[in-house]
Amino acid sequence: MDNSIVRGVFLAFVRVHVLHHAAEGRIFGLEMIEELHRHGYTLSPGTLYPIFHSMVKAGYLRSADEVVNGKLRKYYEATAKGRRLLKQVKGKIRELLDEVIGD
C-alpha cells in the first residue's frame, strides 16, 4: 500500500471535516483535535495548525484572536469562499459514495 496516497486521502478528509465544522460556527485547535479524535483521527497540533493556516491563506477560513481565561485563543470560521467549496465537495463526496459504496 502506498502510504503517501493514504496520507493524502487522510489529510483531505481532515480538511473537509475542518471546513464542515467551521461552516457551522467558530472552531479552535484543541476542539478540532478532540472532534477528529472522536472519529478515529489522531492529529497533533503540528499537523492541524498548518492545515488551518493553509486554509486561511487560500481564503477558505478566516481567523480571529480572542482572550479566553487569560489566554489568547485563535478561532477559525469558514468564509463565503469556504462555504462554496464545501458545497462543491459535498456533491463530489455524494457522487463518489454512490459509485464506490453503491446501494
Protein backbone atom coordinates (compact mmCIF):
# COMPACT_ATOMS: atom_id res chain seq x y z
CA MET A 1 0.00 0.00 0.00
CA ASP A 2 1.30 3.45 -0.92
CA ASN A 3 1.44 5.40 2.36
CA SER A 4 1.70 8.74 0.55
CA ILE A 5 -1.70 8.12 -1.08
CA VAL A 6 -3.23 7.04 2.24
CA ARG A 7 -1.82 10.13 3.96
CA GLY A 8 -3.10 12.39 1.17
CA VAL A 9 -6.62 10.95 1.43
CA PHE A 10 -6.50 11.16 5.23
CA LEU A 11 -5.47 14.83 5.14
CA ALA A 12 -8.17 15.59 2.57
CA PHE A 13 -10.77 14.05 4.91
CA VAL A 14 -9.40 16.18 7.76
CA ARG A 15 -9.65 19.36 5.63
CA VAL A 16 -13.27 18.58 4.71
CA HIS A 17 -14.09 17.86 8.33
CA VAL A 18 -12.50 21.15 9.44
CA LEU A 19 -14.35 23.08 6.75
CA HIS A 20 -17.65 21.42 7.70
CA HIS A 21 -17.33 22.43 11.36
CA ALA A 22 -16.00 25.91 10.51
CA ALA A 23 -19.09 26.44 8.34
CA GLU A 24 -21.30 25.53 11.32
CA GLY A 25 -19.58 28.04 13.62
CA ARG A 26 -16.28 29.14 15.09
CA ILE A 27 -13.78 26.40 15.89
CA PHE A 28 -10.37 26.29 17.57
CA GLY A 29 -7.47 23.87 17.50
CA LEU A 30 -7.94 21.74 20.61
CA GLU A 31 -11.66 21.47 19.94
CA MET A 32 -10.98 20.13 16.42
CA ILE A 33 -8.26 17.74 17.64
CA GLU A 34 -10.82 16.28 20.08
CA GLU A 35 -13.59 16.19 17.45
CA LEU A 36 -11.34 14.45 14.93
CA HIS A 37 -10.20 12.01 17.62
CA ARG A 38 -13.86 11.06 18.18
CA HIS A 39 -13.87 9.97 14.54
CA GLY A 40 -10.68 7.93 14.83
CA TYR A 41 -8.17 10.52 13.63
CA THR A 42 -5.12 11.25 15.77
CA LEU A 43 -3.64 14.63 14.95
CA SER A 44 -1.05 16.70 16.70
CA PRO A 45 -1.17 20.50 16.76
CA GLY A 46 1.87 20.33 14.45
CA THR A 47 -0.32 18.69 11.81
CA LEU A 48 -3.57 20.57 12.37
CA TYR A 49 -2.32 24.16 12.59
CA PRO A 50 -0.55 24.11 9.21
CA ILE A 51 -3.87 22.88 7.76
CA PHE A 52 -5.67 25.83 9.37
CA HIS A 53 -3.00 28.25 8.12
CA SER A 54 -3.10 26.93 4.55
CA MET A 55 -6.91 27.16 4.52
CA VAL A 56 -6.74 30.77 5.78
CA LYS A 57 -4.12 31.60 3.13
CA ALA A 58 -6.33 30.06 0.43
CA GLY A 59 -9.29 32.15 1.63
CA TYR A 60 -11.46 29.24 2.87
CA LEU A 61 -11.19 30.18 6.56
CA ARG A 62 -10.73 33.44 8.44
CA SER A 63 -9.20 33.67 11.88
CA ALA A 64 -9.75 35.90 14.88
CA ASP A 65 -7.91 36.07 18.19
CA GLU A 66 -9.82 36.18 21.45
CA VAL A 67 -8.68 36.09 25.07
CA VAL A 68 -10.26 33.16 26.94
CA ASN A 69 -9.43 32.64 30.63
CA GLY A 70 -6.44 34.94 30.29
CA LYS A 71 -5.03 33.08 27.26
CA LEU A 72 -5.07 34.06 23.62
CA ARG A 73 -7.13 31.63 21.53
CA LYS A 74 -7.34 31.70 17.73
CA TYR A 75 -10.77 30.92 16.31
CA TYR A 76 -11.43 29.89 12.73
CA GLU A 77 -14.61 30.28 10.70
CA ALA A 78 -15.50 29.44 7.10
CA THR A 79 -15.58 32.32 4.63
CA ALA A 80 -18.13 32.60 1.81
CA LYS A 81 -15.48 31.05 -0.47
CA GLY A 82 -15.05 28.20 2.02
CA ARG A 83 -18.80 27.59 2.17
CA ARG A 84 -18.98 27.44 -1.64
CA LEU A 85 -16.10 24.96 -1.67
CA LEU A 86 -17.79 22.83 0.98
CA LYS A 87 -20.96 22.70 -1.12
CA GLN A 88 -18.94 21.53 -4.15
CA VAL A 89 -17.05 18.97 -2.09
CA LYS A 90 -20.27 17.56 -0.61
CA GLY A 91 -21.59 16.96 -4.12
CA LYS A 92 -18.40 15.14 -5.10
CA ILE A 93 -18.48 13.07 -1.90
CA ARG A 94 -22.08 12.03 -2.63
CA GLU A 95 -21.14 11.09 -6.19
CA LEU A 96 -18.13 9.08 -5.00
CA LEU A 97 -20.10 7.29 -2.29
CA ASP A 98 -22.83 6.35 -4.75
CA GLU A 99 -20.26 4.92 -7.14
CA VAL A 100 -17.89 3.24 -4.69
CA ILE A 101 -20.29 2.12 -1.95
CA GLY A 102 -23.48 1.91 -4.02
CA ASP A 103 -26.79 0.66 -2.76
